[in-house]
Protein backbone atom coordinates (compact mmCIF):
# COMPACT_ATOMS: atom_id res chain seq x y z
CA UNK A 1 -38.78 20.17 -58.57
CA UNK A 2 -36.90 19.00 -61.36
CA UNK A 3 -36.37 21.48 -63.68
CA UNK A 4 -33.29 20.92 -65.98
CA UNK A 5 -34.69 16.99 -65.80
CA UNK A 6 -31.01 15.71 -65.03
CA UNK A 7 -30.47 13.62 -61.74
CA UNK A 8 -27.33 12.77 -59.94
CA UNK A 9 -27.47 8.73 -59.77
CA UNK A 10 -25.17 6.57 -57.88
CA UNK A 11 -25.53 3.00 -56.21
CA UNK A 12 -23.80 0.99 -53.69
CA UNK A 13 -23.64 -2.29 -52.74
CA UNK A 14 -20.89 -4.61 -51.03
CA UNK A 15 -19.14 -7.12 -53.19
CA UNK A 16 -21.59 -9.45 -55.07
CA UNK A 17 -24.85 -8.62 -53.42
CA UNK A 18 -27.53 -6.68 -54.06
CA UNK A 19 -27.91 -2.55 -54.52
CA UNK A 20 -28.15 -1.48 -50.73
CA UNK A 21 -28.37 2.26 -51.30
CA UNK A 22 -29.29 4.46 -54.35
CA UNK A 23 -28.41 8.25 -54.08
CA UNK A 24 -29.86 10.92 -56.41
CA UNK A 25 -29.15 14.87 -56.32
CA UNK A 26 -30.37 17.40 -58.32
CA UNK A 27 -28.61 20.57 -59.39
CA UNK A 28 -30.49 22.95 -56.78
CA UNK A 29 -28.59 21.08 -53.79
CA UNK A 30 -31.59 18.72 -53.31
CA UNK A 31 -30.76 15.17 -52.47
CA UNK A 32 -32.04 11.72 -51.01
CA UNK A 33 -30.98 8.51 -50.59
CA UNK A 34 -33.01 5.22 -50.37
CA UNK A 35 -32.08 2.28 -48.50
CA UNK A 36 -33.72 -0.15 -50.70
CA UNK A 37 -31.70 -3.13 -48.79
CA UNK A 38 -33.16 -2.76 -45.86
CA UNK A 39 -36.36 -2.28 -47.64
CA UNK A 40 -36.23 -5.42 -49.98
CA UNK A 41 -37.77 -3.17 -52.88
CA UNK A 42 -37.55 -0.27 -54.69
CA UNK A 43 -40.52 1.61 -53.97
CA UNK A 44 -42.78 2.41 -57.09
CA UNK A 45 -42.33 5.92 -57.03
CA UNK A 46 -38.34 5.58 -57.11
CA UNK A 47 -39.05 3.09 -60.03
CA UNK A 48 -41.33 5.35 -61.99
CA UNK A 49 -38.30 7.67 -61.51
CA UNK A 50 -36.13 5.74 -62.67
CA UNK A 51 -37.31 4.46 -65.57
CA UNK A 52 -38.60 7.50 -67.28
CA UNK A 53 -36.39 7.98 -70.13
CA UNK A 54 -37.18 11.86 -70.07
CA UNK A 55 -35.17 12.27 -66.63
CA UNK A 56 -31.34 12.03 -67.52
CA UNK A 57 -29.38 9.96 -64.70
CA UNK A 58 -25.72 11.35 -64.81
CA UNK A 59 -22.81 9.76 -62.49
CA UNK A 60 -19.69 7.64 -62.85
CA UNK A 61 -21.10 3.98 -64.13
CA UNK A 62 -24.30 5.25 -63.92
CA UNK A 63 -25.33 2.77 -66.73
CA UNK A 64 -23.64 -0.17 -65.05
CA UNK A 65 -25.45 0.81 -61.57
CA UNK A 66 -28.73 0.81 -64.05
CA UNK A 67 -27.66 -2.66 -64.82
CA UNK A 68 -27.09 -3.65 -61.23
CA UNK A 69 -30.53 -2.29 -60.33
CA UNK A 70 -31.87 -4.36 -62.85
CA UNK A 71 -30.76 -7.87 -61.91
CA UNK A 72 -30.89 -6.87 -57.86
CA UNK A 73 -34.40 -5.54 -58.10
CA UNK A 74 -35.99 -6.25 -61.46
CA UNK A 75 -36.23 -2.33 -61.62
CA UNK A 76 -35.57 -0.84 -65.26
CA UNK A 77 -33.06 2.74 -65.40
CA UNK A 78 -33.59 4.39 -68.17
CA UNK A 79 -31.62 7.80 -69.46
CA UNK A 80 -28.08 6.93 -68.11
CA UNK A 81 -25.28 8.90 -69.26
């Protein structure tokens, strides 16, 4: 349940490779880790969440992480701070 419209957001990758891991967290302690490198794509529901501009994604380098997902998987990330 995302009541405040804010998610912690972080991505990991190795060297110049594609994003391999997406981490999301809410302020109530719920966290999710997506191993998209193993999947080879960003699941549709995760794409919908990441592209929702009404949900703010915060984290160190969140904007750059969003750009990296775009270049890796053509998945748009909106609402980064």
